[in-house]
Protein backbone atom coordinates (compact mmCIF):
# COMPACT_ATOMS: atom_id res chain seq x y z
CA MET A 1 -234.76 -18.77 105.44
CA ASN A 2 -236.11 -20.00 108.32
CA ARG A 3 -236.31 -24.87 108.94
CA SER A 4 -240.18 -24.91 108.79
CA ASN A 5 -239.96 -22.80 105.35
CA LEU A 6 -237.20 -24.57 104.37
CA GLU A 7 -239.66 -28.31 105.56
CA LYS A 8 -242.21 -26.43 103.51
CA ILE A 9 -240.66 -26.36 100.55
CA SER A 10 -238.78 -29.64 101.11
CA LYS A 11 -242.35 -31.38 100.99
CA GLY A 12 -243.55 -29.28 97.84
CA LYS A 13 -240.60 -30.74 95.91
CA LYS A 14 -241.20 -34.29 96.81
CA GLU A 15 -244.70 -33.47 95.58
CA TRP A 16 -243.75 -32.32 92.40
CA GLU A 17 -241.60 -34.77 92.03
CA GLU A 18 -243.85 -37.79 92.22
CA LYS A 19 -247.19 -36.29 90.92
CA GLN A 20 -245.70 -33.90 87.65
CA LEU A 21 -241.92 -34.80 87.26
CA LYS A 22 -242.36 -38.84 87.55
CA ASN A 23 -245.27 -39.37 84.84
CA LEU A 24 -244.03 -36.59 82.13
CA LEU A 25 -240.44 -38.13 82.42
CA LYS A 26 -242.20 -41.66 81.60
CA LYS A 27 -243.98 -40.45 78.41
CA ALA A 28 -240.97 -37.53 77.58
CA PRO A 29 -237.18 -38.67 79.03
CA GLU A 30 -234.88 -35.95 79.28
CA ARG A 31 -232.64 -35.30 76.15
CA LYS A 32 -229.20 -36.27 78.33
CA SER A 33 -228.85 -38.55 81.47
CA VAL A 34 -226.52 -36.43 83.23
CA PHE A 35 -225.91 -32.24 82.12
CA LYS A 36 -222.92 -30.62 82.52
CA ASN A 37 -220.96 -27.67 82.14
CA SER A 38 -217.07 -27.10 81.08
CA SER A 39 -215.93 -27.59 84.51
CA GLY A 40 -217.57 -31.08 84.64
CA ILE A 41 -220.11 -29.74 87.55
CA GLU A 42 -223.29 -31.88 87.16
CA VAL A 43 -226.25 -29.01 87.01
CA GLY A 44 -229.37 -30.23 88.77
CA ARG A 45 -232.67 -30.00 87.26
CA VAL A 46 -234.09 -26.68 89.26
CA TYR A 47 -233.03 -25.42 91.91
CA THR A 48 -234.39 -23.91 94.97
CA PRO A 49 -233.18 -21.92 98.71
CA LEU A 50 -233.30 -26.02 99.59
CA GLU A 51 -229.69 -25.81 97.31
CA ILE A 52 -228.54 -22.90 99.49
CA GLN A 53 -228.97 -23.56 102.64
CA GLY A 54 -227.34 -22.22 105.11
CA PHE A 55 -227.13 -18.79 102.45
CA ASP A 56 -225.39 -15.85 104.66
CA TYR A 57 -226.58 -12.59 102.35
CA LEU A 58 -223.58 -10.58 103.75
CA THR A 59 -221.18 -12.72 104.18
CA LYS A 60 -221.76 -14.52 100.20
CA LEU A 61 -223.55 -11.03 98.31
CA GLY A 62 -223.18 -8.26 100.58
CA PHE A 63 -223.31 -4.62 98.38
CA PRO A 64 -221.91 -3.62 95.28
CA GLY A 65 -218.37 -2.10 95.84
CA SER A 66 -218.54 -3.74 99.51
CA TYR A 67 -216.65 -6.77 100.47
CA PRO A 68 -216.54 -9.93 99.37
CA TYR A 69 -217.47 -7.30 96.12
CA THR A 70 -219.29 -10.84 94.31
CA ARG A 71 -221.94 -8.28 93.47
CA GLY A 72 -218.87 -6.00 91.81
CA PRO A 73 -215.73 -3.52 92.53
CA TYR A 74 -218.01 -0.30 92.74
CA ALA A 75 -221.29 1.15 94.30
CA THR A 76 -222.72 2.44 91.32
CA MET A 77 -221.43 0.17 88.57
CA TYR A 78 -222.57 0.26 84.88
CA ARG A 79 -225.16 3.49 86.32
CA GLY A 80 -222.38 5.44 87.09
CA ARG A 81 -220.07 4.32 84.45
CA LEU A 82 -220.12 2.00 81.45
CA TRP A 83 -217.67 -0.72 81.11
CA THR A 84 -214.51 0.03 78.93
CA MET A 85 -215.10 -0.82 75.17
CA ARG A 86 -211.69 -1.64 74.27
CA GLN A 87 -210.95 -3.69 71.24
CA TYR A 88 -207.81 -5.40 70.13
CA ALA A 89 -206.08 -4.25 67.61
CA GLY A 90 -203.03 -4.39 65.34
CA PHE A 91 -201.50 -4.97 62.32
CA GLY A 92 -198.43 -4.68 59.95
CA THR A 93 -196.92 -1.13 60.11
CA ALA A 94 -196.94 1.54 62.69
CA GLU A 95 -198.18 3.24 59.71
CA GLU A 96 -201.49 1.36 58.96
CA THR A 97 -202.62 0.73 62.96
CA ASN A 98 -202.44 4.36 63.22
CA LYS A 99 -205.30 4.48 60.90
CA HIS A 100 -206.71 1.59 62.30
CA PHE A 101 -207.22 3.17 65.70
CA LYS A 102 -208.69 6.51 64.31
CA TYR A 103 -210.50 4.39 62.94
CA LEU A 104 -212.18 2.23 66.28
CA LEU A 105 -212.22 5.60 68.36
CA SER A 106 -214.05 7.40 65.55
CA GLN A 107 -216.74 4.36 65.56
CA GLY A 108 -217.51 5.10 69.55
CA GLN A 109 -214.79 3.31 71.24
CA THR A 110 -213.60 4.43 74.77
CA GLY A 111 -210.02 2.35 75.17
CA LEU A 112 -207.38 1.53 72.74
CA SER A 113 -205.55 -2.53 73.12
CA VAL A 114 -202.35 -2.82 71.46
CA ALA A 115 -201.53 -5.91 69.63
CA PHE A 116 -197.54 -6.54 68.89
CA ASP A 117 -196.51 -8.80 66.59
CA LEU A 118 -194.73 -11.96 67.20
CA PRO A 119 -190.84 -10.59 67.23
CA THR A 120 -191.72 -7.84 69.10
CA GLN A 121 -193.56 -9.99 72.31
CA ILE A 122 -189.93 -12.08 72.04
CA GLY A 123 -187.50 -9.28 71.69
CA TYR A 124 -186.39 -9.33 68.66
CA ASP A 125 -185.75 -6.28 66.01
CA SER A 126 -187.90 -6.78 62.92
CA ASP A 127 -184.06 -7.23 61.25
CA HIS A 128 -183.48 -10.49 63.06
CA PRO A 129 -183.60 -14.08 61.11
CA LEU A 130 -185.86 -15.24 63.71
CA ALA A 131 -188.19 -12.04 62.44
CA ARG A 132 -188.45 -13.41 58.94
CA GLY A 133 -191.90 -14.10 58.29
CA GLU A 134 -193.32 -12.53 60.91
CA VAL A 135 -192.99 -8.92 60.94
CA GLY A 136 -196.06 -7.85 61.11
CA ARG A 137 -198.11 -10.43 60.85
CA VAL A 138 -200.26 -11.54 63.92
CA GLY A 139 -199.63 -7.64 65.38
CA VAL A 140 -197.93 -4.07 64.49
CA ALA A 141 -194.05 -3.72 64.28
CA VAL A 142 -192.50 -1.84 67.18
CA ASP A 143 -188.58 -1.75 67.05
CA SER A 144 -188.19 1.83 68.64
CA LEU A 145 -189.43 5.08 69.92
CA LYS A 146 -189.72 5.82 66.80
CA ASP A 147 -192.41 3.06 65.81
CA MET A 148 -194.06 3.89 69.29
CA GLU A 149 -194.29 8.00 67.74
CA ILE A 150 -195.94 7.09 64.91
CA LEU A 151 -198.11 4.55 66.23
CA PHE A 152 -199.95 7.26 68.47
CA GLN A 153 -199.49 9.79 65.98
CA GLY A 154 -202.58 12.14 66.48
CA ILE A 155 -203.39 10.24 69.43
CA PRO A 156 -203.60 12.60 72.38
CA LEU A 157 -202.46 9.56 75.44
CA ASP A 158 -203.75 11.97 78.08
CA LYS A 159 -207.34 11.71 76.64
CA VAL A 160 -207.42 7.67 76.10
CA SER A 161 -206.77 4.36 77.64
CA THR A 162 -204.02 1.88 76.59
CA SER A 163 -203.82 -1.39 77.15
CA MET A 164 -200.55 -2.98 75.84
CA THR A 165 -200.77 -7.30 75.85
CA ILE A 166 -196.99 -7.46 76.25
CA ASN A 167 -195.46 -9.57 78.65
CA ALA A 168 -191.40 -10.65 78.62
CA PRO A 169 -190.41 -7.42 76.76
CA ALA A 170 -193.08 -5.99 79.27
CA ASN A 171 -190.81 -2.78 80.51
CA VAL A 172 -189.12 -1.59 77.08
CA LEU A 173 -192.67 -0.83 75.75
CA LEU A 174 -193.77 0.82 79.17
CA ALA A 175 -190.64 2.61 78.73
CA MET A 176 -191.56 3.42 75.03
CA TYR A 177 -194.94 4.69 76.03
CA LEU A 178 -194.15 7.14 79.21
CA THR A 179 -191.78 8.48 77.09
CA LEU A 180 -194.23 9.14 73.82
CA GLY A 181 -196.20 10.67 76.47
CA GLU A 182 -193.27 13.31 77.79
CA MET A 183 -193.43 13.85 74.99
CA GLN A 184 -196.94 15.30 74.09
CA GLY A 185 -196.66 17.51 77.14
CA ILE A 186 -197.98 14.70 79.61
CA ASN A 187 -196.70 13.38 83.00
CA ARG A 188 -196.16 9.89 83.14
CA SER A 189 -198.16 10.16 86.27
CA LEU A 190 -200.97 11.00 84.32
CA LEU A 191 -200.88 8.36 81.76
CA ARG A 192 -203.85 5.54 82.27
CA GLY A 193 -203.25 1.86 80.66
CA THR A 194 -202.59 -1.37 81.54
CA VAL A 195 -199.72 -3.11 80.65
CA GLN A 196 -199.96 -6.99 80.92
CA ASN A 197 -197.27 -8.05 82.44
CA ASP A 198 -198.03 -11.38 83.14
CA ILE A 199 -195.14 -13.79 82.60
CA LEU A 200 -195.74 -16.59 84.52
CA LYS A 201 -198.39 -18.28 81.72
CA GLU A 202 -196.37 -17.36 78.83
CA TYR A 203 -194.64 -20.60 80.59
CA ILE A 204 -198.35 -22.20 80.72
CA ALA A 205 -200.46 -21.38 77.58
CA ARG A 206 -198.10 -18.95 75.07
CA GLY A 207 -194.23 -19.13 74.91
CA THR A 208 -193.66 -15.60 74.28
CA TYR A 209 -190.89 -15.90 77.07
CA ILE A 210 -187.37 -14.98 76.78
CA PHE A 211 -185.42 -15.41 80.30
CA PRO A 212 -185.84 -17.59 82.83
CA PRO A 213 -188.79 -18.35 85.40
CA THR A 214 -186.44 -16.14 88.14
CA PRO A 215 -185.05 -13.11 86.27
CA SER A 216 -188.86 -13.09 84.26
CA LEU A 217 -190.14 -12.35 87.34
CA LYS A 218 -187.57 -9.90 89.09
CA ILE A 219 -188.20 -7.98 85.85
CA ALA A 220 -191.88 -8.24 86.16
CA VAL A 221 -191.47 -7.27 89.84
CA ASP A 222 -189.30 -4.17 88.56
CA VAL A 223 -192.31 -2.45 86.75
CA PHE A 224 -194.69 -2.95 89.49
CA GLU A 225 -192.07 -1.45 91.96
CA PHE A 226 -191.58 1.51 89.16
CA CYS A 227 -195.22 2.07 88.08
CA SER A 228 -196.46 1.54 92.08
CA LYS A 229 -194.04 5.08 92.64
CA GLU A 230 -194.44 7.28 89.78
CA MET A 231 -197.36 5.88 87.41
CA PRO A 232 -200.25 5.90 90.26
CA LYS A 233 -203.28 5.48 87.60
CA TRP A 234 -201.12 2.94 85.88
CA ASN A 235 -202.50 -0.76 85.54
CA PHE A 236 -198.81 -2.57 85.93
CA ILE A 237 -199.91 -5.80 84.92
CA SER A 238 -203.19 -7.97 84.10
CA VAL A 239 -202.79 -11.48 85.00
CA SER A 240 -204.51 -13.28 82.32
CA GLY A 241 -206.71 -16.56 82.48
CA TYR A 242 -207.73 -16.07 78.81
CA HIS A 243 -204.60 -17.53 77.14
CA MET A 244 -204.89 -20.56 79.92
CA ARG A 245 -208.53 -20.78 78.35
CA GLU A 246 -208.10 -20.72 74.95
CA ALA A 247 -205.24 -23.32 75.61
CA GLY A 248 -207.88 -25.55 77.13
CA ALA A 249 -208.45 -24.63 80.50
CA ASN A 250 -212.34 -25.50 81.77
CA ALA A 251 -213.84 -22.25 84.08
CA VAL A 252 -212.36 -23.85 87.40
CA GLN A 253 -209.50 -23.87 85.85
CA GLU A 254 -209.12 -20.67 84.29
CA LEU A 255 -210.24 -19.10 87.62
CA ALA A 256 -208.04 -20.40 89.87
CA PHE A 257 -204.52 -20.91 88.00
CA THR A 258 -205.72 -17.34 87.06
CA LEU A 259 -205.26 -16.07 90.70
CA ALA A 260 -202.73 -18.49 91.88
CA ASP A 261 -200.60 -16.69 89.40
CA GLY A 262 -202.02 -13.23 90.83
CA LEU A 263 -200.97 -14.32 94.41
CA ALA A 264 -197.36 -15.96 93.40
CA TYR A 265 -196.65 -11.44 92.07
CA ILE A 266 -197.89 -10.43 95.20
CA ASN A 267 -195.26 -12.91 97.15
CA ALA A 268 -192.21 -11.68 94.89
CA ALA A 269 -193.45 -7.94 95.31
CA LEU A 270 -193.25 -8.33 99.12
CA GLU A 271 -190.09 -10.09 98.97
CA ARG A 272 -189.20 -7.09 97.38
CA GLY A 273 -189.73 -5.21 100.02
CA LEU A 274 -193.05 -3.56 99.04
CA LYS A 275 -196.29 -2.24 101.28
CA ILE A 276 -199.22 -4.83 99.86
CA ASP A 277 -201.32 -1.45 99.70
CA ASP A 278 -198.66 0.58 97.82
CA PHE A 279 -199.26 -2.16 94.65
CA ALA A 280 -202.47 -4.24 95.76
CA PRO A 281 -205.09 -1.65 94.06
CA ARG A 282 -202.98 -1.21 90.68
CA ILE A 283 -203.31 -5.55 90.51
CA SER A 284 -205.80 -6.19 87.48
CA PHE A 285 -207.23 -9.28 85.59
CA PHE A 286 -207.94 -10.51 82.25
CA PHE A 287 -210.74 -13.43 81.65
CA ALA A 288 -212.05 -15.19 78.99
CA CYS A 289 -215.68 -15.94 78.23
CA HIS A 290 -216.92 -18.97 77.15
CA ASN A 291 -219.91 -20.21 75.07
CA ASN A 292 -221.82 -21.88 79.18
CA PHE A 293 -223.50 -18.54 79.83
CA PHE A 294 -224.11 -18.83 83.79
CA GLU A 295 -221.00 -20.85 84.56
CA GLU A 296 -219.08 -18.08 83.15
CA ILE A 297 -221.44 -15.35 85.42
CA ALA A 298 -220.94 -17.21 88.31
CA LYS A 299 -216.67 -17.44 87.25
CA PHE A 300 -216.53 -13.94 87.47
CA ARG A 301 -218.74 -13.00 90.35
CA ALA A 302 -216.17 -15.98 92.38
CA ALA A 303 -213.28 -14.61 90.72
CA ARG A 304 -213.97 -11.16 92.48
CA ARG A 305 -214.98 -13.09 96.33
CA LEU A 306 -212.07 -15.10 96.02
CA TRP A 307 -209.64 -13.05 95.29
CA ALA A 308 -210.71 -10.52 98.03
CA GLU A 309 -211.09 -13.16 100.92
CA ILE A 310 -207.55 -14.51 99.66
CA LEU A 311 -206.09 -10.98 100.11
CA LYS A 312 -207.63 -10.43 103.35
CA GLU A 313 -206.71 -14.02 104.93
CA LYS A 314 -203.01 -14.20 103.95
CA TYR A 315 -202.47 -9.71 103.97
CA SER A 316 -204.54 -7.81 105.89
CA PRO A 317 -203.83 -4.78 103.87
CA LYS A 318 -205.19 -1.86 105.87
CA LYS A 319 -206.08 -0.08 102.60
CA GLU A 320 -210.25 -1.26 101.41
CA ARG A 321 -208.89 -1.12 97.85
CA SER A 322 -206.18 -3.80 98.38
CA LEU A 323 -209.06 -6.14 97.95
CA LEU A 324 -210.85 -5.56 94.86
CA MET A 325 -210.28 -7.73 91.81
CA ARG A 326 -210.68 -5.65 89.11
CA PHE A 327 -210.96 -7.44 85.43
CA HIS A 328 -211.24 -7.03 81.16
CA THR A 329 -212.46 -9.82 79.46
CA GLN A 330 -212.62 -10.07 76.06
CA THR A 331 -214.70 -13.15 74.49
CA SER A 332 -213.33 -16.89 73.25
CA GLY A 333 -211.50 -16.73 70.08
CA CYS A 334 -210.94 -21.12 70.66
CA THR A 335 -215.20 -20.99 70.44
CA LEU A 336 -215.53 -19.37 66.61
CA THR A 337 -215.74 -21.43 64.03
CA ALA A 338 -214.32 -21.28 60.29
CA GLN A 339 -217.58 -22.58 59.75
CA GLN A 340 -220.71 -21.00 58.82
CA PRO A 341 -218.85 -17.59 60.28
CA MET A 342 -222.17 -15.96 60.59
CA ASN A 343 -222.70 -17.59 63.96
CA ASN A 344 -219.52 -16.04 65.97
CA ILE A 345 -221.99 -12.91 66.07
CA ILE A 346 -223.78 -15.26 67.83
CA ARG A 347 -221.51 -16.64 70.13
CA VAL A 348 -219.84 -12.99 70.68
CA ALA A 349 -223.31 -11.63 71.85
CA TYR A 350 -223.56 -14.12 74.33
CA GLN A 351 -220.58 -14.34 75.41
CA ALA A 352 -220.21 -10.38 75.77
CA LEU A 353 -223.91 -10.61 78.05
CA ALA A 354 -222.33 -12.82 79.67
CA ALA A 355 -219.09 -10.50 80.90
CA VAL A 356 -221.57 -7.45 81.75
CA LEU A 357 -223.97 -9.89 83.84
CA GLY A 358 -220.67 -11.05 85.57
CA GLY A 359 -219.33 -7.35 85.88
CA THR A 360 -216.65 -7.09 84.33
CA GLN A 361 -214.79 -3.08 84.20
CA SER A 362 -213.26 -3.99 80.33
CA LEU A 363 -214.64 -5.60 77.49
CA HIS A 364 -213.05 -6.97 74.11
CA THR A 365 -215.89 -8.13 71.55
CA ASN A 366 -214.15 -11.12 69.09
CA SER A 367 -214.87 -10.23 65.64
CA MET A 368 -217.05 -12.97 63.32
CA ASP A 369 -214.17 -13.31 61.39
CA GLU A 370 -211.07 -14.50 63.32
CA ALA A 371 -211.32 -17.76 62.54
CA LEU A 372 -209.98 -16.84 58.92
CA CYS A 373 -208.05 -14.02 58.77
CA LEU A 374 -207.83 -10.84 60.93
CA PRO A 375 -210.49 -8.69 61.31
CA SER A 376 -212.01 -6.25 58.48
CA LYS A 377 -213.31 -3.15 58.99
CA GLN A 378 -216.73 -4.43 58.64
CA SER A 379 -216.31 -7.44 61.73
CA VAL A 380 -214.45 -4.87 63.83
CA LYS A 381 -217.85 -2.92 63.67
CA ILE A 382 -220.27 -5.60 64.16
CA ALA A 383 -218.24 -6.52 67.16
CA LEU A 384 -217.93 -2.89 68.62
CA ARG A 385 -222.02 -2.09 68.09
CA THR A 386 -222.64 -5.26 69.81
CA GLN A 387 -220.86 -3.80 73.14
CA GLN A 388 -222.89 -0.63 71.98
CA ILE A 389 -226.57 -2.14 71.71
CA LEU A 390 -225.78 -4.66 74.94
CA ALA A 391 -224.95 -0.97 76.75
CA TYR A 392 -227.15 1.41 75.29
CA GLU A 393 -230.45 -0.71 74.52
CA THR A 394 -230.98 -4.30 76.19
CA GLY A 395 -230.98 -2.62 80.03
CA VAL A 396 -228.84 -4.54 81.77
CA SER A 397 -226.58 -1.67 82.62
CA ASP A 398 -229.54 -0.73 84.46
CA THR A 399 -228.71 -2.32 87.60
CA ILE A 400 -226.55 -3.95 89.78
CA ASP A 401 -225.71 -7.22 88.95
CA PRO A 402 -229.47 -8.61 87.98
CA LEU A 403 -228.92 -11.99 88.58
CA GLY A 404 -227.66 -11.83 92.05
CA GLY A 405 -229.66 -14.00 94.30
CA SER A 406 -230.66 -16.92 92.37
CA TYR A 407 -230.76 -20.11 93.63
CA TYR A 408 -229.20 -21.64 90.27
CA LEU A 409 -226.82 -18.90 90.63
CA GLU A 410 -225.55 -18.84 93.90
CA TRP A 411 -225.75 -22.28 94.25
CA LEU A 412 -222.53 -22.27 91.07
CA THR A 413 -220.73 -19.26 92.63
CA ASP A 414 -219.96 -20.96 95.26
CA GLU A 415 -219.37 -24.45 93.78
CA LEU A 416 -216.67 -22.94 91.13
CA GLU A 417 -215.07 -20.83 94.43
CA GLU A 418 -214.95 -24.23 95.91
CA LYS A 419 -213.40 -25.98 93.38
CA ALA A 420 -210.91 -23.70 92.69
CA ARG A 421 -210.03 -22.52 96.04
CA LYS A 422 -208.91 -26.71 96.35
CA TYR A 423 -206.69 -25.95 93.18
CA ILE A 424 -205.40 -23.07 95.22
CA ASP A 425 -204.37 -24.91 98.16
CA GLU A 426 -203.00 -27.64 96.67
CA ILE A 427 -200.74 -25.36 94.25
CA GLU A 428 -199.53 -23.72 97.13
CA GLU A 429 -198.49 -26.74 98.89
CA MET A 430 -196.10 -26.98 96.37
CA GLY A 431 -194.59 -24.34 97.16
CA GLY A 432 -196.62 -22.09 94.78
CA MET A 433 -197.06 -20.82 91.12
CA ALA A 434 -193.66 -20.94 89.94
CA LYS A 435 -193.25 -24.58 91.59
CA ALA A 436 -196.03 -26.03 90.21
CA ILE A 437 -194.76 -24.49 86.84
CA GLU A 438 -191.56 -25.62 86.44
CA LYS A 439 -193.06 -29.45 87.64
CA GLY A 440 -195.66 -29.40 84.45
CA PHE A 441 -198.39 -29.90 86.88
CA ILE A 442 -200.34 -26.96 85.32
CA GLN A 443 -199.88 -28.10 81.61
CA LYS A 444 -200.70 -31.45 82.29
CA GLU A 445 -203.84 -30.10 83.85
CA ILE A 446 -204.86 -28.23 80.97
CA LEU A 447 -203.86 -30.45 78.31
CA GLU A 448 -206.31 -33.21 80.07
CA THR A 449 -208.66 -31.30 79.95
CA ALA A 450 -208.59 -30.17 76.21
CA TYR A 451 -207.58 -33.76 75.26
CA HIS A 452 -211.30 -34.65 76.37
CA TYR A 453 -212.99 -31.84 75.01
CA GLN A 454 -212.05 -32.21 71.72
CA LYS A 455 -212.97 -35.56 72.18
CA GLU A 456 -216.44 -34.56 73.70
CA ILE A 457 -216.87 -32.05 70.23
CA GLU A 458 -215.57 -35.62 68.61
CA LYS A 459 -218.23 -38.04 69.60
CA GLY A 460 -220.73 -35.30 69.30
CA GLU A 461 -221.37 -35.11 73.00
CA THR A 462 -220.74 -31.15 73.10
CA VAL A 463 -222.46 -29.70 70.42
CA VAL A 464 -220.57 -26.85 68.55
CA VAL A 465 -223.25 -25.31 65.57
CA GLY A 466 -222.30 -25.99 61.96
CA VAL A 467 -219.29 -28.05 63.20
CA ASN A 468 -220.05 -31.22 64.49
CA LYS A 469 -224.61 -30.05 64.39
CA PHE A 470 -226.31 -29.02 61.76
CA LYS A 471 -223.99 -28.60 59.32
CA GLU A 472 -223.85 -27.60 55.38
CA GLU A 473 -222.40 -29.65 53.15
CA ARG A 474 -221.77 -27.28 50.44
CA GLU A 475 -220.40 -23.52 52.89
CA GLU A 476 -220.08 -20.89 50.90
CA ILE A 477 -218.43 -17.81 53.18
CA LYS A 478 -220.40 -14.07 52.06
CA ILE A 479 -217.57 -12.62 54.01
CA GLU A 480 -214.96 -9.77 53.48
CA ILE A 481 -211.40 -11.41 53.70
CA PHE A 482 -209.12 -9.08 55.00
CA ASN A 483 -205.92 -9.04 53.66
CA VAL A 484 -203.08 -7.49 55.51
CA SER A 485 -200.18 -6.06 53.06
CA LYS A 486 -198.17 -7.87 51.57
CA LEU A 487 -195.96 -9.10 54.45
CA GLU A 488 -192.78 -8.93 52.64
CA GLU A 489 -193.67 -5.28 51.50
CA THR A 490 -194.39 -5.11 55.07
CA ALA A 491 -190.88 -6.44 56.65
CA LYS A 492 -188.90 -4.49 54.11
CA MET A 493 -190.95 -1.11 55.29
CA GLN A 494 -190.14 -1.42 58.50
CA ILE A 495 -186.66 -2.72 58.63
CA LYS A 496 -185.85 0.30 56.14
CA LYS A 497 -187.83 2.71 58.74
CA LEU A 498 -185.20 0.54 61.90
CA GLN A 499 -182.65 1.15 59.73
CA ILE A 500 -182.66 5.04 59.13
CA VAL A 501 -183.50 5.22 62.84
CA LYS A 502 -180.07 3.55 63.47
CA ARG A 503 -178.04 5.35 60.99
CA GLU A 504 -179.43 9.27 62.39
CA ARG A 505 -179.39 8.38 66.51
CA ASN A 506 -176.58 9.17 68.64
CA LYS A 507 -174.58 5.74 68.29
CA SER A 508 -172.42 6.71 71.49
CA LYS A 509 -175.64 7.68 73.75
CA VAL A 510 -176.89 3.99 72.57
CA GLU A 511 -173.70 2.35 73.53
CA GLU A 512 -173.54 4.54 76.91
CA ALA A 513 -177.21 3.81 77.74
CA LEU A 514 -176.86 0.51 76.83
CA CYS A 515 -174.19 -0.30 79.00
CA LYS A 516 -175.78 0.98 82.32
CA LEU A 517 -178.65 -1.35 81.37
CA GLY A 518 -176.09 -3.84 81.61
CA LYS A 519 -174.77 -2.76 84.78
CA ALA A 520 -177.80 -2.31 86.49
CA ALA A 521 -178.84 -6.26 86.10
CA GLU A 522 -175.42 -7.69 86.74
CA LYS A 523 -176.10 -5.29 90.23
CA ASN A 524 -179.57 -6.43 90.26
CA GLU A 525 -181.48 -3.14 89.68
CA ASN A 526 -184.51 -2.26 88.56
CA LEU A 527 -184.09 -2.32 85.06
CA VAL A 528 -186.80 0.41 84.31
CA PRO A 529 -185.11 3.68 84.87
CA PRO A 530 -182.03 2.51 82.73
CA ILE A 531 -184.41 1.22 79.83
CA ILE A 532 -186.23 4.76 79.57
CA GLU A 533 -182.70 5.56 79.14
CA ALA A 534 -181.95 3.70 75.87
CA VAL A 535 -185.65 4.07 75.15
CA LYS A 536 -184.69 7.78 74.67
CA ALA A 537 -181.58 7.23 73.03
CA TYR A 538 -183.44 5.13 70.36
CA ALA A 539 -182.23 2.78 70.98
CA THR A 540 -184.05 -0.78 69.49
CA LEU A 541 -186.39 -3.31 71.34
CA GLY A 542 -183.34 -5.87 70.12
CA GLU A 543 -180.72 -4.46 70.89
CA ILE A 544 -182.37 -3.77 74.96
CA CYS A 545 -183.38 -7.26 75.19
CA GLY A 546 -179.94 -8.45 73.60
CA VAL A 547 -178.31 -6.99 76.47
CA LEU A 548 -180.04 -8.70 78.91
CA ARG A 549 -180.10 -11.52 76.82
CA ASN A 550 -176.45 -12.05 78.17
CA ILE A 551 -177.30 -11.58 81.46
CA TYR A 552 -179.97 -14.00 82.40
CA GLY A 553 -179.67 -16.34 79.79
CA GLU A 554 -183.18 -17.18 77.70
CA TYR A 555 -185.50 -20.16 78.23
CA ARG A 556 -186.27 -23.59 76.56
CA ALA A 557 -189.17 -25.35 77.53
CA PRO A 558 -189.74 -29.49 79.37
CA ASN A 559 -190.59 -31.84 77.58
CA ILE A 560 -193.68 -32.80 80.40
CA LEU A 561 -195.27 -35.19 77.89
């Protein structure tokens, strides 16, 4: 916009402030003296071209599927193909979860997302003493290839895209999945899906690590190297900001720390000798979608643009696809409340809308009862129907980036990008994300933000409907509560299956495969091929991780407070 028009707008704004706004504020003051979003960014009263002076359309926005990808990674976006509707699921035994997967697919879900129980996540078999009381509790128990066979029984792996939320033993679960594909007659090169494989965020936000950071990063890059050669349709990492956001990070921190993690993986892969264009196109991301509607949309747009800019500046890839950011979104679990749980349906719907307007590639919508229990069939159906109504009834998928060009949204996208880049630069000065984690910098930043957010809720400065405002004295929860089969019975069934596997397998083949794995680890070789061999011999997850524990040791988190 030329200077003459900007001057006219500036003059018009001043007249509006004097003639209309000033008098109204005297009669009726605004609700707050200062309006801020979750990142502490002050939100102005109204936005005009004055707030985005010098805005260059081609530099900042461009076109969908073109650099800098602010408007989306694909030229047609949802006009060509809707986002994948992928509900995260898993509980109890493989048999129970298999039934649930088939139910979800029958209801129109277009991708599977596997939740594993805690023992599986940290590399223990169900019969390990530390697994007691946790088998099948927060996800499905998978001890061996036999469980994977049952988990996907009757589900052809060439017809679905599968996401597996697994990190420390990601190489083992990947080996089980591709082996199962081969058992179904499907070449591993045709399998589609994602293994999370993001170990760095475990040291920050979740804690389901096994080994120290250095060997863990090596193991993650093993999966990069293997998949880039053997599984071209597979996303071998989902760099996750979701768990950092759930731990208390704000939108800027989630954006910055997620991208900084991504850069750490790129640097590790390049040190391995991989070429940027051989693996960058298959890096995927995973974000949360919180309550502040415009902040979340701006975060997604800023993430794509910032990732493309940084990769172009630092690594100069030759393939355009190497600059693309593709991501999965999950609505925010930490925003769900046990009080007045029906309110969660509304929260999830708005968060899902923000994710779609931000251009997500796949989406999980949380169920209304997740603050109380594992989701019931009814609540899961409502969550899935939320996505389907959004896709087919609202019209938001008919045009690309419909909010693009909004003065407020473009200003906010710039603000989030600028603040995130400052964090990333600070982390780079520390020596990268691994060093920042070792120093406790990331953890402290998130803890401080979480503390202040909780204080705001307790003071009533941040309103949570049904919790600190619009409360009900005697609230009756009238929703179906889902119960997993008794955990003791689940554990007994799982351990019995495990004993049968151990009894019926060829012990000498197992011992030979585990011995080869140990030697490969000692020689610093890629561990995926020997793990596949061990999996095919029905070595268990715990046995495989046990070999690596003996070589790499276990990580103990330092006290950062």
